[in-house]
């Protein structure tokens, strides 16, 4: 199974926001839903739908910033 999700702009910095505020972002909520394992205290590794998650980004500075924010979000809550 494959899925491609596009983000429109920067992601909320997880160090400056609570999980409930992060989940208000429609695109992040969609990503968490597609992965299928929940987030935070609801995360269940056995429910992950994918073997790999690939983050592709634009080659500019903003793309790098978004990549770091996404990796931080995945690491902290999944």
PDB file of N, CA and C in Angstrom:
ATOM      1  N   UNK A   1       0.839  -1.168   0.000  1.00  0.00           N
ATOM      2  CA  UNK A   1       0.000   0.000   0.000  1.00  0.00           C
ATOM      3  C   UNK A   1       0.889   1.238   0.000  1.00  0.00           C
ATOM      4  N   UNK A   2       0.539   2.209  -0.831  1.00  0.00           N
ATOM      5  CA  UNK A   2       1.291   3.454  -0.918  1.00  0.00           C
ATOM      6  C   UNK A   2       0.348   4.628  -0.770  1.00  0.00           C
ATOM      7  N   UNK A   3       0.862   5.712  -0.231  1.00  0.00           N
ATOM      8  CA  UNK A   3       0.099   6.949  -0.111  1.00  0.00           C
ATOM      9  C   UNK A   3       1.060   8.114  -0.260  1.00  0.00           C
ATOM     10  N   UNK A   4       0.615   9.146  -0.913  1.00  0.00           N
ATOM     11  CA  UNK A   4       1.400  10.366  -1.046  1.00  0.00           C
ATOM     12  C   UNK A   4       0.575  11.493  -0.443  1.00  0.00           C
ATOM     13  N   UNK A   5       1.156  12.167   0.519  1.00  0.00           N
ATOM     14  CA  UNK A   5       0.483  13.291   1.161  1.00  0.00           C
ATOM     15  C   UNK A   5       1.337  14.537   0.964  1.00  0.00           C
ATOM     16  N   UNK A   6       0.740  15.585   0.501  1.00  0.00           N
ATOM     17  CA  UNK A   6       1.459  16.839   0.312  1.00  0.00           C
ATOM     18  C   UNK A   6       1.127  17.797   1.446  1.00  0.00           C
ATOM     19  N   UNK A   7       2.144  18.489   1.921  1.00  0.00           N
ATOM     20  CA  UNK A   7       1.944  19.494   2.959  1.00  0.00           C
ATOM     21  C   UNK A   7       1.978  20.868   2.318  1.00  0.00           C
ATOM     22  N   UNK A   8       1.170  21.757   2.815  1.00  0.00           N
ATOM     23  CA  UNK A   8       1.144  23.124   2.297  1.00  0.00           C
ATOM     24  C   UNK A   8       1.706  24.094   3.313  1.00  0.00           C
ATOM     25  N   UNK A   9       3.009  24.221   3.387  1.00  0.00           N
ATOM     26  CA  UNK A   9       3.609  25.159   4.320  1.00  0.00           C
ATOM     27  C   UNK A   9       4.236  24.475   5.510  1.00  0.00           C
ATOM     28  N   UNK A  10       4.689  25.322   6.437  1.00  0.00           N
ATOM     29  CA  UNK A  10       5.405  24.809   7.602  1.00  0.00           C
ATOM     30  C   UNK A  10       4.496  24.074   8.567  1.00  0.00           C
ATOM     31  N   UNK A  11       5.093  23.160   9.287  1.00  0.00           N
ATOM     32  CA  UNK A  11       4.418  22.365  10.308  1.00  0.00           C
ATOM     33  C   UNK A  11       4.630  23.057  11.652  1.00  0.00           C
ATOM     34  N   UNK A  12       3.679  22.911  12.559  1.00  0.00           N
ATOM     35  CA  UNK A  12       3.812  23.487  13.888  1.00  0.00           C
ATOM     36  C   UNK A  12       4.994  22.846  14.601  1.00  0.00           C
ATOM     37  N   UNK A  13       5.796  23.661  15.271  1.00  0.00           N
ATOM     38  CA  UNK A  13       6.944  23.157  16.021  1.00  0.00           C
ATOM     39  C   UNK A  13       6.447  22.435  17.262  1.00  0.00           C
ATOM     40  N   UNK A  14       6.742  21.163  17.382  1.00  0.00           N
ATOM     41  CA  UNK A  14       6.231  20.352  18.488  1.00  0.00           C
ATOM     42  C   UNK A  14       6.794  20.776  19.830  1.00  0.00           C
ATOM     43  N   UNK A  15       7.914  21.474  19.834  1.00  0.00           N
ATOM     44  CA  UNK A  15       8.489  21.927  21.096  1.00  0.00           C
ATOM     45  C   UNK A  15       7.794  23.172  21.617  1.00  0.00           C
ATOM     46  N   UNK A  16       7.036  23.840  20.761  1.00  0.00           N
ATOM     47  CA  UNK A  16       6.349  25.069  21.155  1.00  0.00           C
ATOM     48  C   UNK A  16       4.842  24.893  21.237  1.00  0.00           C
ATOM     49  N   UNK A  17       4.353  23.693  20.996  1.00  0.00           N
ATOM     50  CA  UNK A  17       2.910  23.455  20.985  1.00  0.00           C
ATOM     51  C   UNK A  17       2.581  22.132  21.657  1.00  0.00           C
ATOM     52  N   UNK A  18       1.372  22.035  22.148  1.00  0.00           N
ATOM     53  CA  UNK A  18       0.886  20.783  22.730  1.00  0.00           C
ATOM     54  C   UNK A  18       0.370  19.892  21.612  1.00  0.00           C
ATOM     55  N   UNK A  19       0.301  18.602  21.879  1.00  0.00           N
ATOM     56  CA  UNK A  19      -0.186  17.653  20.880  1.00  0.00           C
ATOM     57  C   UNK A  19      -1.596  18.018  20.414  1.00  0.00           C
ATOM     58  N   UNK A  20      -2.447  18.464  21.320  1.00  0.00           N
ATOM     59  CA  UNK A  20      -3.818  18.818  20.929  1.00  0.00           C
ATOM     60  C   UNK A  20      -3.840  19.969  19.929  1.00  0.00           C
ATOM     61  N   UNK A  21      -2.889  20.906  20.045  1.00  0.00           N
ATOM     62  CA  UNK A  21      -2.795  21.999  19.076  1.00  0.00           C
ATOM     63  C   UNK A  21      -2.244  21.512  17.744  1.00  0.00           C
ATOM     64  N   UNK A  22      -1.294  20.591  17.793  1.00  0.00           N
ATOM     65  CA  UNK A  22      -0.716  20.017  16.579  1.00  0.00           C
ATOM     66  C   UNK A  22      -1.791  19.253  15.801  1.00  0.00           C
ATOM     67  N   UNK A  23      -2.641  18.548  16.529  1.00  0.00           N
ATOM     68  CA  UNK A  23      -3.694  17.751  15.878  1.00  0.00           C
ATOM     69  C   UNK A  23      -4.780  18.601  15.230  1.00  0.00           C
ATOM     70  N   UNK A  24      -4.804  19.889  15.518  1.00  0.00           N
ATOM     71  CA  UNK A  24      -5.765  20.789  14.871  1.00  0.00           C
ATOM     72  C   UNK A  24      -5.362  21.082  13.423  1.00  0.00           C
ATOM     73  N   UNK A  25      -4.094  20.819  13.094  1.00  0.00           N
ATOM     74  CA  UNK A  25      -3.615  21.009  11.730  1.00  0.00           C
ATOM     75  C   UNK A  25      -4.160  19.868  10.870  1.00  0.00           C
ATOM     76  N   UNK A  26      -4.941  20.212   9.869  1.00  0.00           N
ATOM     77  CA  UNK A  26      -5.616  19.213   9.035  1.00  0.00           C
ATOM     78  C   UNK A  26      -4.640  18.270   8.334  1.00  0.00           C
ATOM     79  N   UNK A  27      -3.531  18.808   7.841  1.00  0.00           N
ATOM     80  CA  UNK A  27      -2.567  17.990   7.109  1.00  0.00           C
ATOM     81  C   UNK A  27      -1.842  17.006   8.036  1.00  0.00           C
ATOM     82  N   UNK A  28      -1.466  17.457   9.218  1.00  0.00           N
ATOM     83  CA  UNK A  28      -0.808  16.572  10.184  1.00  0.00           C
ATOM     84  C   UNK A  28      -1.787  15.506  10.649  1.00  0.00           C
ATOM     85  N   UNK A  29      -3.019  15.910  10.913  1.00  0.00           N
ATOM     86  CA  UNK A  29      -4.050  14.965  11.326  1.00  0.00           C
ATOM     87  C   UNK A  29      -4.266  13.909  10.246  1.00  0.00           C
ATOM     88  N   UNK A  30      -4.250  14.318   8.994  1.00  0.00           N
ATOM     89  CA  UNK A  30      -4.404  13.397   7.871  1.00  0.00           C
ATOM     90  C   UNK A  30      -3.228  12.421   7.808  1.00  0.00           C
ATOM     91  N   UNK A  31      -2.018  12.928   8.038  1.00  0.00           N
ATOM     92  CA  UNK A  31      -0.833  12.073   8.019  1.00  0.00           C
ATOM     93  C   UNK A  31      -0.913  11.023   9.131  1.00  0.00           C
ATOM     94  N   UNK A  32      -1.280  11.438  10.322  1.00  0.00           N
ATOM     95  CA  UNK A  32      -1.400  10.514  11.449  1.00  0.00           C
ATOM     96  C   UNK A  32      -2.473   9.472  11.160  1.00  0.00           C
ATOM     97  N   UNK A  33      -3.579   9.919  10.575  1.00  0.00           N
ATOM     98  CA  UNK A  33      -4.663   8.999  10.223  1.00  0.00           C
ATOM     99  C   UNK A  33      -4.211   7.982   9.179  1.00  0.00           C
ATOM    100  N   UNK A  34      -3.469   8.422   8.166  1.00  0.00           N
ATOM    101  CA  UNK A  34      -2.994   7.515   7.115  1.00  0.00           C
ATOM    102  C   UNK A  34      -2.010   6.490   7.647  1.00  0.00           C
ATOM    103  N   UNK A  35      -1.141   6.919   8.569  1.00  0.00           N
ATOM    104  CA  UNK A  35      -0.178   5.981   9.151  1.00  0.00           C
ATOM    105  C   UNK A  35      -0.924   4.919   9.947  1.00  0.00           C
ATOM    106  N   UNK A  36      -2.014   5.319  10.591  1.00  0.00           N
ATOM    107  CA  UNK A  36      -2.934   4.360  11.198  1.00  0.00           C
ATOM    108  C   UNK A  36      -2.642   3.907  12.612  1.00  0.00           C
ATOM    109  N   UNK A  37      -1.627   4.479  13.253  1.00  0.00           N
ATOM    110  CA  UNK A  37      -1.245   3.988  14.578  1.00  0.00           C
ATOM    111  C   UNK A  37      -1.534   4.974  15.698  1.00  0.00           C
ATOM    112  N   UNK A  38      -2.182   6.096  15.389  1.00  0.00           N
ATOM    113  CA  UNK A  38      -2.455   7.095  16.410  1.00  0.00           C
ATOM    114  C   UNK A  38      -1.221   7.919  16.717  1.00  0.00           C
ATOM    115  N   UNK A  39      -1.321   8.753  17.752  1.00  0.00           N
ATOM    116  CA  UNK A  39      -0.201   9.605  18.150  1.00  0.00           C
ATOM    117  C   UNK A  39      -0.247   9.826  19.651  1.00  0.00           C
ATOM    118  N   UNK A  40       0.910  10.128  20.213  1.00  0.00           N
ATOM    119  CA  UNK A  40       0.986  10.385  21.644  1.00  0.00           C
ATOM    120  C   UNK A  40       0.670   9.129  22.443  1.00  0.00           C
ATOM    121  N   UNK A  41      -0.162   9.271  23.456  1.00  0.00           N
ATOM    122  CA  UNK A  41      -0.535   8.148  24.300  1.00  0.00           C
ATOM    123  C   UNK A  41      -1.354   7.089  23.593  1.00  0.00           C
ATOM    124  N   UNK A  42      -1.966   7.457  22.465  1.00  0.00           N
ATOM    125  CA  UNK A  42      -2.783   6.516  21.688  1.00  0.00           C
ATOM    126  C   UNK A  42      -1.972   5.732  20.662  1.00  0.00           C
ATOM    127  N   UNK A  43      -0.674   6.027  20.532  1.00  0.00           N
ATOM    128  CA  UNK A  43       0.143   5.377  19.508  1.00  0.00           C
ATOM    129  C   UNK A  43       0.301   3.889  19.796  1.00  0.00           C
ATOM    130  N   UNK A  44       0.082   3.078  18.762  1.00  0.00           N
ATOM    131  CA  UNK A  44       0.237   1.621  18.867  1.00  0.00           C
ATOM    132  C   UNK A  44       1.040   1.144  17.658  1.00  0.00           C
ATOM    133  N   UNK A  45       2.290   0.776  17.887  1.00  0.00           N
ATOM    134  CA  UNK A  45       3.215   0.405  16.811  1.00  0.00           C
ATOM    135  C   UNK A  45       2.683  -0.718  15.933  1.00  0.00           C
ATOM    136  N   UNK A  46       1.931  -1.631  16.485  1.00  0.00           N
ATOM    137  CA  UNK A  46       1.416  -2.761  15.706  1.00  0.00           C
ATOM    138  C   UNK A  46       0.328  -2.363  14.718  1.00  0.00           C
ATOM    139  N   UNK A  47      -0.191  -1.142  14.825  1.00  0.00           N
ATOM    140  CA  UNK A  47      -1.240  -0.688  13.919  1.00  0.00           C
ATOM    141  C   UNK A  47      -0.712   0.106  12.720  1.00  0.00           C
ATOM    142  N   UNK A  48       0.603   0.305  12.646  1.00  0.00           N
ATOM    143  CA  UNK A  48       1.189   1.066  11.534  1.00  0.00           C
ATOM    144  C   UNK A  48       0.891   0.338  10.228  1.00  0.00           C
ATOM    145  N   UNK A  49       0.409   1.074   9.235  1.00  0.00           N
ATOM    146  CA  UNK A  49       0.009   0.478   7.952  1.00  0.00           C
ATOM    147  C   UNK A  49       1.161   0.335   6.964  1.00  0.00           C
ATOM    148  N   UNK A  50       2.285   1.003   7.223  1.00  0.00           N
ATOM    149  CA  UNK A  50       3.366   1.040   6.245  1.00  0.00           C
ATOM    150  C   UNK A  50       4.658   0.503   6.840  1.00  0.00           C
ATOM    151  N   UNK A  51       5.466  -0.085   5.983  1.00  0.00           N
ATOM    152  CA  UNK A  51       6.763  -0.584   6.399  1.00  0.00           C
ATOM    153  C   UNK A  51       7.781   0.551   6.475  1.00  0.00           C
ATOM    154  N   UNK A  52       7.622   1.550   5.619  1.00  0.00           N
ATOM    155  CA  UNK A  52       8.535   2.696   5.567  1.00  0.00           C
ATOM    156  C   UNK A  52       7.729   3.968   5.378  1.00  0.00           C
ATOM    157  N   UNK A  53       8.271   5.050   5.911  1.00  0.00           N
ATOM    158  CA  UNK A  53       7.722   6.379   5.663  1.00  0.00           C
ATOM    159  C   UNK A  53       8.854   7.191   5.056  1.00  0.00           C
ATOM    160  N   UNK A  54       8.627   7.726   3.888  1.00  0.00           N
ATOM    161  CA  UNK A  54       9.641   8.499   3.177  1.00  0.00           C
ATOM    162  C   UNK A  54       9.218   9.957   3.182  1.00  0.00           C
ATOM    163  N   UNK A  55      10.110  10.824   3.647  1.00  0.00           N
ATOM    164  CA  UNK A  55       9.833  12.255   3.638  1.00  0.00           C
ATOM    165  C   UNK A  55      10.632  12.863   2.493  1.00  0.00           C
ATOM    166  N   UNK A  56       9.927  13.402   1.518  1.00  0.00           N
ATOM    167  CA  UNK A  56      10.568  14.080   0.394  1.00  0.00           C
ATOM    168  C   UNK A  56      10.350  15.572   0.583  1.00  0.00           C
ATOM    169  N   UNK A  57      11.350  16.345   0.234  1.00  0.00           N
ATOM    170  CA  UNK A  57      11.237  17.777   0.467  1.00  0.00           C
ATOM    171  C   UNK A  57      11.867  18.552  -0.670  1.00  0.00           C
ATOM    172  N   UNK A  58      11.564  19.830  -0.682  1.00  0.00           N
ATOM    173  CA  UNK A  58      12.223  20.705  -1.642  1.00  0.00           C
ATOM    174  C   UNK A  58      13.643  20.969  -1.161  1.00  0.00           C
ATOM    175  N   UNK A  59      14.522  21.306  -2.076  1.00  0.00           N
ATOM    176  CA  UNK A  59      15.939  21.444  -1.753  1.00  0.00           C
ATOM    177  C   UNK A  59      16.337  22.773  -1.145  1.00  0.00           C
ATOM    178  N   UNK A  60      15.365  23.620  -0.815  1.00  0.00           N
ATOM    179  CA  UNK A  60      15.716  24.910  -0.243  1.00  0.00           C
ATOM    180  C   UNK A  60      15.709  24.868   1.282  1.00  0.00           C
ATOM    181  N   UNK A  61      16.027  25.991   1.896  1.00  0.00           N
ATOM    182  CA  UNK A  61      16.099  26.077   3.355  1.00  0.00           C
ATOM    183  C   UNK A  61      14.763  25.783   4.009  1.00  0.00           C
ATOM    184  N   UNK A  62      13.695  26.293   3.449  1.00  0.00           N
ATOM    185  CA  UNK A  62      12.370  26.051   4.026  1.00  0.00           C
ATOM    186  C   UNK A  62      12.011  24.565   3.972  1.00  0.00           C
ATOM    187  N   UNK A  63      12.377  23.893   2.891  1.00  0.00           N
ATOM    188  CA  UNK A  63      12.147  22.459   2.797  1.00  0.00           C
ATOM    189  C   UNK A  63      12.890  21.701   3.883  1.00  0.00           C
ATOM    190  N   UNK A  64      14.100  22.134   4.174  1.00  0.00           N
ATOM    191  CA  UNK A  64      14.876  21.518   5.254  1.00  0.00           C
ATOM    192  C   UNK A  64      14.237  21.756   6.609  1.00  0.00           C
ATOM    193  N   UNK A  65      13.723  22.976   6.811  1.00  0.00           N
ATOM    194  CA  UNK A  65      13.044  23.284   8.073  1.00  0.00           C
ATOM    195  C   UNK A  65      11.816  22.396   8.268  1.00  0.00           C
ATOM    196  N   UNK A  66      11.038  22.234   7.216  1.00  0.00           N
ATOM    197  CA  UNK A  66       9.833  21.404   7.294  1.00  0.00           C
ATOM    198  C   UNK A  66      10.202  19.958   7.563  1.00  0.00           C
ATOM    199  N   UNK A  67      11.255  19.477   6.928  1.00  0.00           N
ATOM    200  CA  UNK A  67      11.709  18.103   7.152  1.00  0.00           C
ATOM    201  C   UNK A  67      12.076  17.886   8.618  1.00  0.00           C
ATOM    202  N   UNK A  68      12.828  18.808   9.195  1.00  0.00           N
ATOM    203  CA  UNK A  68      13.236  18.689  10.596  1.00  0.00           C
ATOM    204  C   UNK A  68      12.017  18.700  11.515  1.00  0.00           C
ATOM    205  N   UNK A  69      11.046  19.557  11.226  1.00  0.00           N
ATOM    206  CA  UNK A  69       9.835  19.618  12.038  1.00  0.00           C
ATOM    207  C   UNK A  69       9.042  18.314  11.949  1.00  0.00           C
ATOM    208  N   UNK A  70       8.949  17.741  10.757  1.00  0.00           N
ATOM    209  CA  UNK A  70       8.235  16.464  10.594  1.00  0.00           C
ATOM    210  C   UNK A  70       8.935  15.316  11.305  1.00  0.00           C
ATOM    211  N   UNK A  71      10.242  15.238  11.164  1.00  0.00           N
ATOM    212  CA  UNK A  71      10.993  14.176  11.836  1.00  0.00           C
ATOM    213  C   UNK A  71      10.849  14.325  13.351  1.00  0.00           C
ATOM    214  N   UNK A  72      10.912  15.536  13.855  1.00  0.00           N
ATOM    215  CA  UNK A  72      10.731  15.771  15.285  1.00  0.00           C
ATOM    216  C   UNK A  72       9.349  15.361  15.757  1.00  0.00           C
ATOM    217  N   UNK A  73       8.343  15.660  14.960  1.00  0.00           N
ATOM    218  CA  UNK A  73       6.970  15.285  15.284  1.00  0.00           C
ATOM    219  C   UNK A  73       6.808  13.761  15.315  1.00  0.00           C
ATOM    220  N   UNK A  74       7.316  13.089  14.302  1.00  0.00           N
ATOM    221  CA  UNK A  74       7.237  11.632  14.251  1.00  0.00           C
ATOM    222  C   UNK A  74       8.000  10.999  15.417  1.00  0.00           C
ATOM    223  N   UNK A  75       9.165  11.519  15.710  1.00  0.00           N
ATOM    224  CA  UNK A  75       9.981  10.973  16.789  1.00  0.00           C
ATOM    225  C   UNK A  75       9.302  11.165  18.149  1.00  0.00           C
ATOM    226  N   UNK A  76       8.739  12.326  18.377  1.00  0.00           N
ATOM    227  CA  UNK A  76       8.166  12.636  19.691  1.00  0.00           C
ATOM    228  C   UNK A  76       6.848  11.918  19.952  1.00  0.00           C
ATOM    229  N   UNK A  77       6.025  11.782  18.925  1.00  0.00           N
ATOM    230  CA  UNK A  77       4.661  11.284  19.152  1.00  0.00           C
ATOM    231  C   UNK A  77       4.376   9.913  18.544  1.00  0.00           C
ATOM    232  N   UNK A  78       5.348   9.353  17.815  1.00  0.00           N
ATOM    233  CA  UNK A  78       5.135   8.049  17.215  1.00  0.00           C
ATOM    234  C   UNK A  78       6.333   7.178  17.510  1.00  0.00           C
TER     235      UNK A  78
END
